[in-house]
Amino acid sequence: MIVIAGLVLGALVGALRARARQGNRLDIAQYAAVHAMIFAVIGLFVTIALDRLV
């Protein structure tokens, strides 16, 4: 569940960041995809850490 939340949050952050830099549609899509992947990997590590601690 944390991975999915990270994926969605990352896509939103990436899209907003690209829009703030006056990017076109492809820039926004690329920023959203890259940020979504990064946030999903971070969410995966958090999930693994929580699973091992609990």
N, C-alpha and C. Protein backbone atom coordinates (compact mmCIF):
# COMPACT_ATOMS: atom_id res chain seq x y z
N MET A 1 0.81 -1.19 0.00
CA MET A 1 0.00 0.00 0.00
C MET A 1 0.86 1.26 0.00
N ILE A 2 1.96 1.23 0.71
CA ILE A 2 2.86 2.38 0.75
C ILE A 2 3.48 2.60 -0.63
N VAL A 3 3.74 1.52 -1.34
CA VAL A 3 4.34 1.63 -2.67
C VAL A 3 3.38 2.34 -3.62
N ILE A 4 2.12 1.98 -3.56
CA ILE A 4 1.13 2.60 -4.44
C ILE A 4 0.95 4.08 -4.09
N ALA A 5 0.93 4.38 -2.81
CA ALA A 5 0.82 5.78 -2.39
C ALA A 5 2.03 6.58 -2.85
N GLY A 6 3.21 5.98 -2.75
CA GLY A 6 4.42 6.64 -3.23
C GLY A 6 4.39 6.86 -4.73
N LEU A 7 3.85 5.88 -5.45
CA LEU A 7 3.75 5.99 -6.91
C LEU A 7 2.86 7.17 -7.30
N VAL A 8 1.70 7.25 -6.68
CA VAL A 8 0.76 8.32 -7.00
C VAL A 8 1.31 9.67 -6.56
N LEU A 9 1.85 9.73 -5.36
CA LEU A 9 2.41 10.99 -4.86
C LEU A 9 3.58 11.45 -5.72
N GLY A 10 4.43 10.52 -6.13
CA GLY A 10 5.56 10.86 -6.98
C GLY A 10 5.13 11.40 -8.33
N ALA A 11 4.11 10.78 -8.92
CA ALA A 11 3.61 11.27 -10.20
C ALA A 11 3.05 12.69 -10.07
N LEU A 12 2.36 12.93 -8.98
CA LEU A 12 1.80 14.26 -8.75
C LEU A 12 2.91 15.30 -8.55
N VAL A 13 3.90 14.96 -7.74
CA VAL A 13 5.01 15.88 -7.49
C VAL A 13 5.77 16.16 -8.78
N GLY A 14 6.04 15.12 -9.56
CA GLY A 14 6.76 15.29 -10.81
C GLY A 14 6.01 16.15 -11.81
N ALA A 15 4.72 15.92 -11.92
CA ALA A 15 3.92 16.71 -12.85
C ALA A 15 3.87 18.18 -12.43
N LEU A 16 3.72 18.42 -11.15
CA LEU A 16 3.68 19.80 -10.67
C LEU A 16 5.03 20.49 -10.85
N ARG A 17 6.11 19.75 -10.63
CA ARG A 17 7.44 20.34 -10.81
C ARG A 17 7.70 20.69 -12.28
N ALA A 18 7.30 19.81 -13.19
CA ALA A 18 7.49 20.09 -14.61
C ALA A 18 6.62 21.25 -15.07
N ARG A 19 5.40 21.31 -14.55
CA ARG A 19 4.51 22.42 -14.91
C ARG A 19 5.05 23.74 -14.40
N ALA A 20 5.67 23.73 -13.22
CA ALA A 20 6.25 24.95 -12.66
C ALA A 20 7.44 25.43 -13.49
N ARG A 21 8.10 24.51 -14.17
CA ARG A 21 9.24 24.87 -15.02
C ARG A 21 8.82 25.13 -16.47
N GLN A 22 7.52 25.31 -16.68
CA GLN A 22 6.96 25.62 -18.00
C GLN A 22 7.22 24.53 -19.03
N GLY A 23 7.11 23.27 -18.61
CA GLY A 23 7.34 22.15 -19.52
C GLY A 23 6.12 21.86 -20.38
N ASN A 24 6.37 21.24 -21.53
CA ASN A 24 5.25 20.85 -22.38
C ASN A 24 4.69 19.51 -21.90
N ARG A 25 3.75 18.91 -22.66
CA ARG A 25 3.10 17.67 -22.23
C ARG A 25 4.09 16.53 -22.04
N LEU A 26 5.06 16.40 -22.93
CA LEU A 26 6.02 15.31 -22.82
C LEU A 26 6.96 15.51 -21.63
N ASP A 27 7.33 16.75 -21.34
CA ASP A 27 8.14 17.03 -20.16
C ASP A 27 7.39 16.65 -18.89
N ILE A 28 6.13 17.02 -18.84
CA ILE A 28 5.31 16.71 -17.66
C ILE A 28 5.19 15.21 -17.49
N ALA A 29 4.97 14.49 -18.59
CA ALA A 29 4.84 13.03 -18.51
C ALA A 29 6.14 12.38 -18.06
N GLN A 30 7.26 12.87 -18.56
CA GLN A 30 8.55 12.29 -18.19
C GLN A 30 8.86 12.56 -16.71
N TYR A 31 8.67 13.78 -16.27
CA TYR A 31 8.91 14.11 -14.87
C TYR A 31 8.00 13.27 -13.96
N ALA A 32 6.73 13.13 -14.35
CA ALA A 32 5.79 12.35 -13.55
C ALA A 32 6.23 10.89 -13.47
N ALA A 33 6.66 10.32 -14.59
CA ALA A 33 7.07 8.92 -14.61
C ALA A 33 8.32 8.68 -13.77
N VAL A 34 9.30 9.54 -13.92
CA VAL A 34 10.55 9.37 -13.17
C VAL A 34 10.32 9.55 -11.67
N HIS A 35 9.59 10.59 -11.29
CA HIS A 35 9.32 10.80 -9.88
C HIS A 35 8.47 9.67 -9.30
N ALA A 36 7.53 9.15 -10.08
CA ALA A 36 6.72 8.03 -9.61
C ALA A 36 7.59 6.81 -9.34
N MET A 37 8.53 6.52 -10.23
CA MET A 37 9.42 5.37 -10.01
C MET A 37 10.29 5.56 -8.78
N ILE A 38 10.84 6.75 -8.61
CA ILE A 38 11.70 7.03 -7.46
C ILE A 38 10.92 6.90 -6.15
N PHE A 39 9.73 7.50 -6.10
CA PHE A 39 8.92 7.43 -4.89
C PHE A 39 8.45 6.01 -4.62
N ALA A 40 8.17 5.24 -5.67
CA ALA A 40 7.74 3.86 -5.48
C ALA A 40 8.87 3.01 -4.89
N VAL A 41 10.10 3.23 -5.35
CA VAL A 41 11.24 2.49 -4.80
C VAL A 41 11.46 2.87 -3.34
N ILE A 42 11.34 4.14 -3.03
CA ILE A 42 11.47 4.57 -1.64
C ILE A 42 10.37 3.93 -0.79
N GLY A 43 9.15 3.89 -1.32
CA GLY A 43 8.04 3.25 -0.62
C GLY A 43 8.28 1.76 -0.42
N LEU A 44 8.91 1.12 -1.40
CA LEU A 44 9.25 -0.30 -1.27
C LEU A 44 10.23 -0.52 -0.13
N PHE A 45 11.25 0.31 -0.04
CA PHE A 45 12.22 0.17 1.04
C PHE A 45 11.57 0.44 2.40
N VAL A 46 10.67 1.41 2.47
CA VAL A 46 9.97 1.69 3.71
C VAL A 46 9.10 0.50 4.11
N THR A 47 8.43 -0.10 3.14
CA THR A 47 7.60 -1.27 3.41
C THR A 47 8.43 -2.44 3.93
N ILE A 48 9.57 -2.67 3.31
CA ILE A 48 10.45 -3.75 3.75
C ILE A 48 10.96 -3.48 5.17
N ALA A 49 11.36 -2.23 5.42
CA ALA A 49 11.87 -1.87 6.75
C ALA A 49 10.78 -2.05 7.82
N LEU A 50 9.58 -1.62 7.53
CA LEU A 50 8.49 -1.77 8.49
C LEU A 50 8.15 -3.23 8.71
N ASP A 51 8.22 -4.04 7.66
CA ASP A 51 7.92 -5.46 7.79
C ASP A 51 8.96 -6.16 8.67
N ARG A 52 10.18 -5.76 8.55
CA ARG A 52 11.24 -6.39 9.35
C ARG A 52 11.22 -5.93 10.81
N LEU A 53 10.77 -4.69 11.03
CA LEU A 53 10.74 -4.16 12.40
C LEU A 53 9.53 -4.67 13.18
N VAL A 54 8.45 -4.91 12.50
CA VAL A 54 7.21 -5.30 13.21
C VAL A 54 7.07 -6.78 13.30
